[in-house]
Amino acid sequence: MSTQVIRLGTRGSQLAMWQSTWVAQQLESRGLAVELIRIQTDGDVQTGPLAQIGGQGLFTKRLQQALLDNEIDLAVHSLKDLPTHTDPRLTIAAVPTRECPFDSLVSNQARCLDDLPERAIVGTGSVRRIAQLKYIRPDLDIRDIRGNIDTRISKLDAGEFDAIVLASAGLLRLSLADRIAYQFQVEEMAPAVGQGALGLETRRDDGVTRQSLEPLNDPVSFCQVSAERSLLQTLQAGCLAPVAAWTEIEGDQLSLTGFVLSPDGRTKIESRQTLPASHSMELGNQVGQQLKEQGAEEFLKR
């Protein structure tokens, strides 16, 4: 039994605690001791639409600073929330097997988007989801919604919304699969970069913790999110931008499709490329450059 105690920093939300507890259990099953340390982030205390209150990094910066200040040894992130431009002193040491990357429609009255009546009220706080919803159903009344998964579902059940859109991964992890009315296909609503994946971040010079995390890393998931995050970085877009990505792996070949939408949902451009999985970063860069050539930057201006 190792005497090492890994200090794991986590947000206090129900989903964040589930994710961090899962990681802790995996490490403990391998003979390591783990101490969970709750850390409040800006995203947990600020209200209003994410894009208006700072957006990128709201749920991750405080955890990253705790790593740099040696308050914790490990931070568990939802990778879709983690900016691609991070401190070089930090590194994503492992990406466990990815959960379902798609989005789900949660509704008490509709089994799919087409079932919703004209001008139905749909809640989401994601610019990416808003743009894709508008692309499919421009008639919908899309309104901002914030809060943890249970808070959002409570607002739906209280009649404030006809439907809400949530990441399938969070619902599945919290045993809420029965609340999924419909799971979107990639052609309808492509997922966010890194959606469904966890990023286990450490200090780059902390070789002991990094080595402890190696058994938790899934090479396929790591490869997929590396390509997607490289795409986002090439576009110089934040994790709240109307950018979506979809990766598929067959043998040693990795395919990446990148999507960029205009915020009003009227225009969608996409690009797809395939390279050996060992060139995942190059793949993301190539797809990002092709999207730029098609005018993507016009839709990503802040």
C-alpha atoms as a PDB file:
ATOM      1  CA  MET A   1       0.000   0.000   0.000  1.00  0.00           C
ATOM      2  CA  SER A   2       1.419   3.366  -1.061  1.00  0.00           C
ATOM      3  CA  THR A   3       1.734   6.138   1.528  1.00  0.00           C
ATOM      4  CA  GLN A   4       1.136   8.813  -1.126  1.00  0.00           C
ATOM      5  CA  VAL A   5      -1.985  10.915  -0.590  1.00  0.00           C
ATOM      6  CA  ILE A   6      -3.261  12.567  -3.752  1.00  0.00           C
ATOM      7  CA  ARG A   7      -5.112  15.799  -3.046  1.00  0.00           C
ATOM      8  CA  LEU A   8      -7.895  15.905  -5.620  1.00  0.00           C
ATOM      9  CA  GLY A   9      -9.550  19.272  -6.219  1.00  0.00           C
ATOM     10  CA  THR A  10     -13.182  19.302  -7.288  1.00  0.00           C
ATOM     11  CA  ARG A  11     -16.112  21.608  -7.699  1.00  0.00           C
ATOM     12  CA  GLY A  12     -18.976  20.930  -5.320  1.00  0.00           C
ATOM     13  CA  SER A  13     -21.746  20.340  -7.848  1.00  0.00           C
ATOM     14  CA  GLN A  14     -23.476  16.973  -7.915  1.00  0.00           C
ATOM     15  CA  LEU A  15     -21.948  16.038 -11.277  1.00  0.00           C
ATOM     16  CA  ALA A  16     -18.464  17.299 -10.395  1.00  0.00           C
ATOM     17  CA  MET A  17     -18.548  15.303  -7.156  1.00  0.00           C
ATOM     18  CA  TRP A  18     -19.654  12.184  -9.037  1.00  0.00           C
ATOM     19  CA  GLN A  19     -16.782  12.569 -11.502  1.00  0.00           C
ATOM     20  CA  SER A  20     -14.166  13.257  -8.836  1.00  0.00           C
ATOM     21  CA  THR A  21     -15.426  10.477  -6.579  1.00  0.00           C
ATOM     22  CA  TRP A  22     -15.225   8.063  -9.500  1.00  0.00           C
ATOM     23  CA  VAL A  23     -11.608   9.056 -10.170  1.00  0.00           C
ATOM     24  CA  ALA A  24     -10.807   8.768  -6.461  1.00  0.00           C
ATOM     25  CA  GLN A  25     -12.289   5.271  -6.348  1.00  0.00           C
ATOM     26  CA  GLN A  26     -10.245   4.196  -9.347  1.00  0.00           C
ATOM     27  CA  LEU A  27      -7.065   5.415  -7.690  1.00  0.00           C
ATOM     28  CA  GLU A  28      -7.953   3.900  -4.313  1.00  0.00           C
ATOM     29  CA  SER A  29      -8.596   0.539  -5.955  1.00  0.00           C
ATOM     30  CA  ARG A  30      -4.956   0.697  -7.050  1.00  0.00           C
ATOM     31  CA  GLY A  31      -3.682   1.246  -3.513  1.00  0.00           C
ATOM     32  CA  LEU A  32      -3.512   5.039  -3.430  1.00  0.00           C
ATOM     33  CA  ALA A  33      -4.988   7.332  -0.797  1.00  0.00           C
ATOM     34  CA  VAL A  34      -7.049  10.261  -2.073  1.00  0.00           C
ATOM     35  CA  GLU A  35      -8.277  13.376  -0.285  1.00  0.00           C
ATOM     36  CA  LEU A  36     -11.135  15.261  -1.955  1.00  0.00           C
ATOM     37  CA  ILE A  37     -10.840  19.032  -1.609  1.00  0.00           C
ATOM     38  CA  ARG A  38     -13.840  21.122  -2.651  1.00  0.00           C
ATOM     39  CA  ILE A  39     -13.012  24.339  -4.472  1.00  0.00           C
ATOM     40  CA  GLN A  40     -15.528  26.984  -5.449  1.00  0.00           C
ATOM     41  CA  THR A  41     -15.051  28.397  -8.956  1.00  0.00           C
ATOM     42  CA  ASP A  42     -16.284  31.659 -10.484  1.00  0.00           C
ATOM     43  CA  GLY A  43     -18.848  29.706 -12.474  1.00  0.00           C
ATOM     44  CA  ASP A  44     -20.366  28.427  -9.240  1.00  0.00           C
ATOM     45  CA  VAL A  45     -21.031  31.889  -7.798  1.00  0.00           C
ATOM     46  CA  GLN A  46     -21.713  34.146 -10.793  1.00  0.00           C
ATOM     47  CA  THR A  47     -25.117  34.305 -12.446  1.00  0.00           C
ATOM     48  CA  GLY A  48     -26.269  35.208 -15.941  1.00  0.00           C
ATOM     49  CA  PRO A  49     -25.469  33.834 -19.404  1.00  0.00           C
ATOM     50  CA  LEU A  50     -22.021  32.243 -19.480  1.00  0.00           C
ATOM     51  CA  ALA A  51     -20.915  34.156 -22.554  1.00  0.00           C
ATOM     52  CA  GLN A  52     -21.660  37.450 -20.796  1.00  0.00           C
ATOM     53  CA  ILE A  53     -19.981  36.794 -17.451  1.00  0.00           C
ATOM     54  CA  GLY A  54     -16.587  35.699 -18.695  1.00  0.00           C
ATOM     55  CA  GLY A  55     -17.462  32.278 -19.996  1.00  0.00           C
ATOM     56  CA  GLN A  56     -14.224  30.557 -20.874  1.00  0.00           C
ATOM     57  CA  GLY A  57     -12.470  29.104 -17.856  1.00  0.00           C
ATOM     58  CA  LEU A  58     -15.187  30.013 -15.355  1.00  0.00           C
ATOM     59  CA  PHE A  59     -15.320  26.447 -14.074  1.00  0.00           C
ATOM     60  CA  THR A  60     -11.626  25.632 -14.347  1.00  0.00           C
ATOM     61  CA  LYS A  61      -9.331  28.597 -13.577  1.00  0.00           C
ATOM     62  CA  ARG A  62      -9.643  28.340  -9.806  1.00  0.00           C
ATOM     63  CA  LEU A  63      -8.832  24.625  -9.900  1.00  0.00           C
ATOM     64  CA  GLN A  64      -5.816  25.291 -12.102  1.00  0.00           C
ATOM     65  CA  GLN A  65      -4.584  28.014  -9.753  1.00  0.00           C
ATOM     66  CA  ALA A  66      -4.908  25.594  -6.841  1.00  0.00           C
ATOM     67  CA  LEU A  67      -2.640  23.212  -8.746  1.00  0.00           C
ATOM     68  CA  LEU A  68      -0.072  25.927  -9.375  1.00  0.00           C
ATOM     69  CA  ASP A  69      -0.222  27.011  -5.718  1.00  0.00           C
ATOM     70  CA  ASN A  70       0.357  23.401  -4.611  1.00  0.00           C
ATOM     71  CA  GLU A  71      -2.982  23.306  -2.786  1.00  0.00           C
ATOM     72  CA  ILE A  72      -3.948  20.180  -4.722  1.00  0.00           C
ATOM     73  CA  ASP A  73      -2.158  17.562  -6.836  1.00  0.00           C
ATOM     74  CA  LEU A  74      -4.942  16.701  -9.269  1.00  0.00           C
ATOM     75  CA  ALA A  75      -7.935  18.480 -10.795  1.00  0.00           C
ATOM     76  CA  VAL A  76     -10.766  16.655 -12.522  1.00  0.00           C
ATOM     77  CA  HIS A  77     -12.371  18.677 -15.325  1.00  0.00           C
ATOM     78  CA  SER A  78     -15.172  18.162 -17.769  1.00  0.00           C
ATOM     79  CA  LEU A  79     -12.981  18.625 -20.828  1.00  0.00           C
ATOM     80  CA  LYS A  80     -15.628  20.601 -22.686  1.00  0.00           C
ATOM     81  CA  ASP A  81     -15.148  23.335 -20.046  1.00  0.00           C
ATOM     82  CA  LEU A  82     -11.345  23.420 -20.149  1.00  0.00           C
ATOM     83  CA  PRO A  83      -9.781  26.157 -22.329  1.00  0.00           C
ATOM     84  CA  THR A  84      -7.186  24.984 -24.842  1.00  0.00           C
ATOM     85  CA  HIS A  85      -4.752  27.750 -23.879  1.00  0.00           C
ATOM     86  CA  THR A  86      -3.466  26.665 -20.478  1.00  0.00           C
ATOM     87  CA  ASP A  87      -0.420  27.309 -18.332  1.00  0.00           C
ATOM     88  CA  PRO A  88       2.602  25.339 -19.652  1.00  0.00           C
ATOM     89  CA  ARG A  89       3.323  24.273 -16.079  1.00  0.00           C
ATOM     90  CA  LEU A  90       0.156  22.152 -16.201  1.00  0.00           C
ATOM     91  CA  THR A  91      -0.705  19.110 -18.300  1.00  0.00           C
ATOM     92  CA  ILE A  92      -3.609  16.751 -18.940  1.00  0.00           C
ATOM     93  CA  ALA A  93      -2.074  13.568 -17.583  1.00  0.00           C
ATOM     94  CA  ALA A  94      -4.953  11.234 -18.442  1.00  0.00           C
ATOM     95  CA  VAL A  95      -8.317  11.029 -20.170  1.00  0.00           C
ATOM     96  CA  PRO A  96     -10.424   8.083 -18.949  1.00  0.00           C
ATOM     97  CA  THR A  97     -12.764   6.251 -21.317  1.00  0.00           C
ATOM     98  CA  ARG A  98     -15.155   8.799 -22.763  1.00  0.00           C
ATOM     99  CA  GLU A  99     -18.862   8.701 -21.949  1.00  0.00           C
ATOM    100  CA  CYS A 100     -21.468   9.381 -24.673  1.00  0.00           C
ATOM    101  CA  PRO A 101     -20.505  12.719 -26.322  1.00  0.00           C
ATOM    102  CA  PHE A 102     -23.960  13.663 -27.621  1.00  0.00           C
ATOM    103  CA  ASP A 103     -26.611  16.085 -26.385  1.00  0.00           C
ATOM    104  CA  SER A 104     -30.064  15.068 -25.211  1.00  0.00           C
ATOM    105  CA  LEU A 105     -33.481  16.682 -25.303  1.00  0.00           C
ATOM    106  CA  VAL A 106     -35.188  16.542 -21.918  1.00  0.00           C
ATOM    107  CA  SER A 107     -38.905  17.208 -22.039  1.00  0.00           C
ATOM    108  CA  ASN A 108     -42.124  16.127 -20.330  1.00  0.00           C
ATOM    109  CA  GLN A 109     -44.217  16.679 -23.452  1.00  0.00           C
ATOM    110  CA  ALA A 110     -42.075  15.820 -26.488  1.00  0.00           C
ATOM    111  CA  ARG A 111     -40.236  12.713 -27.612  1.00  0.00           C
ATOM    112  CA  CYS A 112     -38.162  14.590 -30.187  1.00  0.00           C
ATOM    113  CA  LEU A 113     -37.565  18.144 -31.356  1.00  0.00           C
ATOM    114  CA  ASP A 114     -40.240  17.898 -34.057  1.00  0.00           C
ATOM    115  CA  ASP A 115     -42.857  17.158 -31.387  1.00  0.00           C
ATOM    116  CA  LEU A 116     -42.418  20.591 -29.841  1.00  0.00           C
ATOM    117  CA  PRO A 117     -45.034  23.134 -30.935  1.00  0.00           C
ATOM    118  CA  GLU A 118     -44.121  26.333 -32.725  1.00  0.00           C
ATOM    119  CA  ARG A 119     -42.517  28.901 -30.414  1.00  0.00           C
ATOM    120  CA  ALA A 120     -41.905  26.263 -27.751  1.00  0.00           C
ATOM    121  CA  ILE A 121     -39.595  27.463 -24.974  1.00  0.00           C
ATOM    122  CA  VAL A 122     -36.306  25.562 -24.948  1.00  0.00           C
ATOM    123  CA  GLY A 123     -33.626  26.154 -22.334  1.00  0.00           C
ATOM    124  CA  THR A 124     -29.870  26.010 -22.864  1.00  0.00           C
ATOM    125  CA  GLY A 125     -26.900  28.121 -21.828  1.00  0.00           C
ATOM    126  CA  SER A 126     -24.678  27.004 -24.714  1.00  0.00           C
ATOM    127  CA  VAL A 127     -23.962  29.235 -27.725  1.00  0.00           C
ATOM    128  CA  ARG A 128     -23.167  26.084 -29.714  1.00  0.00           C
ATOM    129  CA  ARG A 129     -26.505  24.474 -28.872  1.00  0.00           C
ATOM    130  CA  ILE A 130     -28.411  27.699 -29.512  1.00  0.00           C
ATOM    131  CA  ALA A 131     -26.903  28.034 -32.991  1.00  0.00           C
ATOM    132  CA  GLN A 132     -27.687  24.414 -33.893  1.00  0.00           C
ATOM    133  CA  LEU A 133     -31.219  24.600 -32.497  1.00  0.00           C
ATOM    134  CA  LYS A 134     -31.833  27.711 -34.582  1.00  0.00           C
ATOM    135  CA  TYR A 135     -30.419  25.938 -37.628  1.00  0.00           C
ATOM    136  CA  ILE A 136     -32.936  23.104 -37.167  1.00  0.00           C
ATOM    137  CA  ARG A 137     -35.920  24.977 -35.716  1.00  0.00           C
ATOM    138  CA  PRO A 138     -35.639  28.756 -36.165  1.00  0.00           C
ATOM    139  CA  ASP A 139     -39.141  29.176 -34.719  1.00  0.00           C
ATOM    140  CA  LEU A 140     -38.188  28.043 -31.217  1.00  0.00           C
ATOM    141  CA  ASP A 141     -38.054  30.474 -28.285  1.00  0.00           C
ATOM    142  CA  ILE A 142     -34.620  29.662 -26.892  1.00  0.00           C
ATOM    143  CA  ARG A 143     -33.916  31.011 -23.415  1.00  0.00           C
ATOM    144  CA  ASP A 144     -30.880  30.942 -21.180  1.00  0.00           C
ATOM    145  CA  ILE A 145     -30.798  28.453 -18.324  1.00  0.00           C
ATOM    146  CA  ARG A 146     -28.090  28.072 -15.669  1.00  0.00           C
ATOM    147  CA  GLY A 147     -27.524  25.809 -12.721  1.00  0.00           C
ATOM    148  CA  ASN A 148     -26.661  22.224 -11.957  1.00  0.00           C
ATOM    149  CA  ILE A 149     -28.431  19.408 -13.769  1.00  0.00           C
ATOM    150  CA  ASP A 150     -30.964  18.915 -10.986  1.00  0.00           C
ATOM    151  CA  THR A 151     -31.687  22.659 -10.886  1.00  0.00           C
ATOM    152  CA  ARG A 152     -32.313  22.769 -14.626  1.00  0.00           C
ATOM    153  CA  ILE A 153     -34.573  19.727 -14.546  1.00  0.00           C
ATOM    154  CA  SER A 154     -36.500  21.262 -11.636  1.00  0.00           C
ATOM    155  CA  LYS A 155     -37.125  24.374 -13.745  1.00  0.00           C
ATOM    156  CA  LEU A 156     -38.381  22.174 -16.567  1.00  0.00           C
ATOM    157  CA  ASP A 157     -40.684  20.250 -14.217  1.00  0.00           C
ATOM    158  CA  ALA A 158     -41.984  23.548 -12.815  1.00  0.00           C
ATOM    159  CA  GLY A 159     -43.169  24.515 -16.296  1.00  0.00           C
ATOM    160  CA  GLU A 160     -40.644  27.268 -17.009  1.00  0.00           C
ATOM    161  CA  PHE A 161     -39.548  25.456 -20.183  1.00  0.00           C
ATOM    162  CA  ASP A 162     -41.116  23.079 -22.662  1.00  0.00           C
ATOM    163  CA  ALA A 163     -37.761  21.345 -23.064  1.00  0.00           C
ATOM    164  CA  ILE A 164     -34.120  21.724 -22.133  1.00  0.00           C
ATOM    165  CA  VAL A 165     -30.945  20.435 -23.797  1.00  0.00           C
ATOM    166  CA  LEU A 166     -28.288  18.765 -21.665  1.00  0.00           C
ATOM    167  CA  ALA A 167     -25.174  16.697 -22.282  1.00  0.00           C
ATOM    168  CA  SER A 168     -26.061  13.014 -22.320  1.00  0.00           C
ATOM    169  CA  ALA A 169     -22.910  12.191 -20.335  1.00  0.00           C
ATOM    170  CA  GLY A 170     -24.020  14.075 -17.245  1.00  0.00           C
ATOM    171  CA  LEU A 171     -27.457  12.486 -17.288  1.00  0.00           C
ATOM    172  CA  LEU A 172     -25.986   9.013 -17.679  1.00  0.00           C
ATOM    173  CA  ARG A 173     -23.412   9.525 -14.932  1.00  0.00           C
ATOM    174  CA  LEU A 174     -26.102  10.672 -12.507  1.00  0.00           C
ATOM    175  CA  SER A 175     -28.415   7.754 -13.393  1.00  0.00           C
ATOM    176  CA  LEU A 176     -30.917  10.070 -15.067  1.00  0.00           C
ATOM    177  CA  ALA A 177     -31.144   8.227 -18.381  1.00  0.00           C
ATOM    178  CA  ASP A 178     -34.921   7.965 -17.913  1.00  0.00           C
ATOM    179  CA  ARG A 179     -35.158  11.755 -18.333  1.00  0.00           C
ATOM    180  CA  ILE A 180     -33.749  11.591 -21.870  1.00  0.00           C
ATOM    181  CA  ALA A 181     -36.611  12.112 -24.310  1.00  0.00           C
ATOM    182  CA  TYR A 182     -34.371  12.110 -27.355  1.00  0.00           C
ATOM    183  CA  GLN A 183     -30.657  11.868 -28.054  1.00  0.00           C
ATOM    184  CA  PHE A 184     -29.510  14.075 -30.909  1.00  0.00           C
ATOM    185  CA  GLN A 185     -27.583  12.598 -33.814  1.00  0.00           C
ATOM    186  CA  VAL A 186     -24.387  14.252 -34.960  1.00  0.00           C
ATOM    187  CA  GLU A 187     -26.126  15.517 -38.130  1.00  0.00           C
ATOM    188  CA  GLU A 188     -28.630  17.408 -35.967  1.00  0.00           C
ATOM    189  CA  MET A 189     -26.498  18.667 -33.103  1.00  0.00           C
ATOM    190  CA  ALA A 190     -22.797  17.932 -33.148  1.00  0.00           C
ATOM    191  CA  PRO A 191     -21.193  17.807 -29.691  1.00  0.00           C
ATOM    192  CA  ALA A 192     -18.861  20.277 -28.061  1.00  0.00           C
ATOM    193  CA  VAL A 193     -15.116  19.741 -28.189  1.00  0.00           C
ATOM    194  CA  GLY A 194     -14.255  17.203 -25.508  1.00  0.00           C
ATOM    195  CA  GLN A 195     -17.859  16.610 -24.487  1.00  0.00           C
ATOM    196  CA  GLY A 196     -18.341  13.456 -22.438  1.00  0.00           C
ATOM    197  CA  ALA A 197     -14.641  13.217 -21.562  1.00  0.00           C
ATOM    198  CA  LEU A 198     -12.862  13.922 -18.298  1.00  0.00           C
ATOM    199  CA  GLY A 199      -9.479  15.606 -18.172  1.00  0.00           C
ATOM    200  CA  LEU A 200      -7.201  14.713 -15.260  1.00  0.00           C
ATOM    201  CA  GLU A 201      -4.861  17.676 -14.899  1.00  0.00           C
ATOM    202  CA  THR A 202      -1.664  17.815 -12.857  1.00  0.00           C
ATOM    203  CA  ARG A 203       1.473  19.883 -12.567  1.00  0.00           C
ATOM    204  CA  ARG A 204       3.812  18.956 -15.392  1.00  0.00           C
ATOM    205  CA  ASP A 205       6.735  18.442 -12.999  1.00  0.00           C
ATOM    206  CA  ASP A 206       4.749  16.151 -10.668  1.00  0.00           C
ATOM    207  CA  GLY A 207       5.999  12.854 -12.043  1.00  0.00           C
ATOM    208  CA  VAL A 208       4.663  10.812  -9.128  1.00  0.00           C
ATOM    209  CA  THR A 209       1.041  11.870  -9.617  1.00  0.00           C
ATOM    210  CA  ARG A 210       1.308  11.630 -13.389  1.00  0.00           C
ATOM    211  CA  GLN A 211       2.575   8.063 -13.115  1.00  0.00           C
ATOM    212  CA  SER A 212      -0.267   7.201 -10.740  1.00  0.00           C
ATOM    213  CA  LEU A 213      -2.796   8.348 -13.354  1.00  0.00           C
ATOM    214  CA  GLU A 214      -1.393   6.326 -16.258  1.00  0.00           C
ATOM    215  CA  PRO A 215      -3.680   3.293 -15.657  1.00  0.00           C
ATOM    216  CA  LEU A 216      -6.744   5.557 -15.904  1.00  0.00           C
ATOM    217  CA  ASN A 217      -5.863   6.849 -19.359  1.00  0.00           C
ATOM    218  CA  ASP A 218      -7.759   5.503 -22.372  1.00  0.00           C
ATOM    219  CA  PRO A 219      -5.546   5.981 -25.467  1.00  0.00           C
ATOM    220  CA  VAL A 220      -8.497   6.205 -27.892  1.00  0.00           C
ATOM    221  CA  SER A 221     -10.307   8.847 -25.839  1.00  0.00           C
ATOM    222  CA  PHE A 222      -7.066  10.777 -25.328  1.00  0.00           C
ATOM    223  CA  CYS A 223      -6.426  10.723 -29.064  1.00  0.00           C
ATOM    224  CA  GLN A 224      -9.951  11.892 -29.905  1.00  0.00           C
ATOM    225  CA  VAL A 225      -9.995  14.842 -27.521  1.00  0.00           C
ATOM    226  CA  SER A 226      -6.459  15.837 -28.527  1.00  0.00           C
ATOM    227  CA  ALA A 227      -7.619  16.237 -32.132  1.00  0.00           C
ATOM    228  CA  GLU A 228     -10.741  18.129 -31.105  1.00  0.00           C
ATOM    229  CA  ARG A 229      -8.874  20.482 -28.771  1.00  0.00           C
ATOM    230  CA  SER A 230      -6.248  21.093 -31.453  1.00  0.00           C
ATOM    231  CA  LEU A 231      -9.083  22.119 -33.777  1.00  0.00           C
ATOM    232  CA  LEU A 232     -10.419  24.573 -31.208  1.00  0.00           C
ATOM    233  CA  GLN A 233      -6.967  25.989 -30.563  1.00  0.00           C
ATOM    234  CA  THR A 234      -6.322  26.481 -34.282  1.00  0.00           C
ATOM    235  CA  LEU A 235      -9.564  28.411 -34.568  1.00  0.00           C
ATOM    236  CA  GLN A 236      -8.537  30.456 -31.504  1.00  0.00           C
ATOM    237  CA  ALA A 237     -12.066  29.943 -30.268  1.00  0.00           C
ATOM    238  CA  GLY A 238     -13.184  29.557 -26.675  1.00  0.00           C
ATOM    239  CA  CYS A 239     -14.997  26.561 -25.283  1.00  0.00           C
ATOM    240  CA  LEU A 240     -18.230  28.609 -25.439  1.00  0.00           C
ATOM    241  CA  ALA A 241     -17.956  29.428 -29.160  1.00  0.00           C
ATOM    242  CA  PRO A 242     -20.393  27.975 -31.752  1.00  0.00           C
ATOM    243  CA  VAL A 243     -17.888  25.233 -32.603  1.00  0.00           C
ATOM    244  CA  ALA A 244     -18.638  21.510 -32.622  1.00  0.00           C
ATOM    245  CA  ALA A 245     -16.572  18.436 -33.369  1.00  0.00           C
ATOM    246  CA  TRP A 246     -17.019  14.736 -34.008  1.00  0.00           C
ATOM    247  CA  THR A 247     -14.260  12.123 -34.060  1.00  0.00           C
ATOM    248  CA  GLU A 248     -14.325   8.527 -35.246  1.00  0.00           C
ATOM    249  CA  ILE A 249     -11.531   5.985 -35.101  1.00  0.00           C
ATOM    250  CA  GLU A 250     -11.164   2.905 -37.284  1.00  0.00           C
ATOM    251  CA  GLY A 251      -8.055   0.841 -36.888  1.00  0.00           C
ATOM    252  CA  ASP A 252      -5.187   3.294 -36.702  1.00  0.00           C
ATOM    253  CA  GLN A 253      -7.054   5.996 -38.642  1.00  0.00           C
ATOM    254  CA  LEU A 254      -8.712   8.936 -36.900  1.00  0.00           C
ATOM    255  CA  SER A 255     -11.367  11.043 -38.646  1.00  0.00           C
ATOM    256  CA  LEU A 256     -12.356  14.481 -37.395  1.00  0.00           C
ATOM    257  CA  THR A 257     -15.287  16.585 -38.555  1.00  0.00           C
ATOM    258  CA  GLY A 258     -15.349  20.183 -37.390  1.00  0.00           C
ATOM    259  CA  PHE A 259     -18.368  22.476 -37.505  1.00  0.00           C
ATOM    260  CA  VAL A 260     -18.674  26.222 -37.068  1.00  0.00           C
ATOM    261  CA  LEU A 261     -22.035  27.983 -37.071  1.00  0.00           C
ATOM    262  CA  SER A 262     -23.089  31.572 -37.216  1.00  0.00           C
ATOM    263  CA  PRO A 263     -24.594  32.591 -33.845  1.00  0.00           C
ATOM    264  CA  ASP A 264     -27.997  33.090 -35.502  1.00  0.00           C
ATOM    265  CA  GLY A 265     -27.917  29.525 -36.816  1.00  0.00           C
ATOM    266  CA  ARG A 266     -28.412  30.522 -40.437  1.00  0.00           C
ATOM    267  CA  THR A 267     -25.047  29.292 -41.681  1.00  0.00           C
ATOM    268  CA  LYS A 268     -23.088  26.127 -40.920  1.00  0.00           C
ATOM    269  CA  ILE A 269     -19.712  25.231 -42.379  1.00  0.00           C
ATOM    270  CA  GLU A 270     -17.878  21.972 -41.865  1.00  0.00           C
ATOM    271  CA  SER A 271     -14.688  20.158 -42.772  1.00  0.00           C
ATOM    272  CA  ARG A 272     -13.599  16.537 -42.408  1.00  0.00           C
ATOM    273  CA  GLN A 273     -10.177  14.949 -42.605  1.00  0.00           C
ATOM    274  CA  THR A 274      -8.586  11.597 -41.746  1.00  0.00           C
ATOM    275  CA  LEU A 275      -5.025  10.939 -40.575  1.00  0.00           C
ATOM    276  CA  PRO A 276      -3.241   8.238 -38.590  1.00  0.00           C
ATOM    277  CA  ALA A 277      -4.308   8.442 -34.954  1.00  0.00           C
ATOM    278  CA  SER A 278      -0.712   9.195 -33.966  1.00  0.00           C
ATOM    279  CA  HIS A 279      -1.098  12.552 -35.746  1.00  0.00           C
ATOM    280  CA  SER A 280      -4.150  13.719 -33.805  1.00  0.00           C
ATOM    281  CA  MET A 281      -2.827  17.237 -33.149  1.00  0.00           C
ATOM    282  CA  GLU A 282      -1.952  17.712 -36.817  1.00  0.00           C
ATOM    283  CA  LEU A 283      -5.421  16.463 -37.767  1.00  0.00           C
ATOM    284  CA  GLY A 284      -7.096  19.068 -35.584  1.00  0.00           C
ATOM    285  CA  ASN A 285      -4.885  21.778 -37.039  1.00  0.00           C
ATOM    286  CA  GLN A 286      -5.697  20.766 -40.625  1.00  0.00           C
ATOM    287  CA  VAL A 287      -9.451  20.755 -40.041  1.00  0.00           C
ATOM    288  CA  GLY A 288      -9.222  24.087 -38.242  1.00  0.00           C
ATOM    289  CA  GLN A 289      -7.279  25.655 -41.102  1.00  0.00           C
ATOM    290  CA  GLN A 290      -9.838  24.400 -43.624  1.00  0.00           C
ATOM    291  CA  LEU A 291     -12.661  25.903 -41.588  1.00  0.00           C
ATOM    292  CA  LYS A 292     -10.784  29.195 -41.518  1.00  0.00           C
ATOM    293  CA  GLU A 293     -10.472  29.086 -45.302  1.00  0.00           C
ATOM    294  CA  GLN A 294     -14.264  28.746 -45.466  1.00  0.00           C
ATOM    295  CA  GLY A 295     -14.764  31.898 -43.369  1.00  0.00           C
ATOM    296  CA  ALA A 296     -15.108  30.425 -39.864  1.00  0.00           C
ATOM    297  CA  GLU A 297     -13.351  33.355 -38.196  1.00  0.00           C
ATOM    298  CA  GLU A 298     -16.218  35.678 -39.159  1.00  0.00           C
ATOM    299  CA  PHE A 299     -18.495  33.674 -36.852  1.00  0.00           C
ATOM    300  CA  LEU A 300     -15.995  33.571 -33.999  1.00  0.00           C
ATOM    301  CA  LYS A 301     -15.401  37.301 -33.574  1.00  0.00           C
ATOM    302  CA  ARG A 302     -16.016  38.474 -30.021  1.00  0.00           C
END
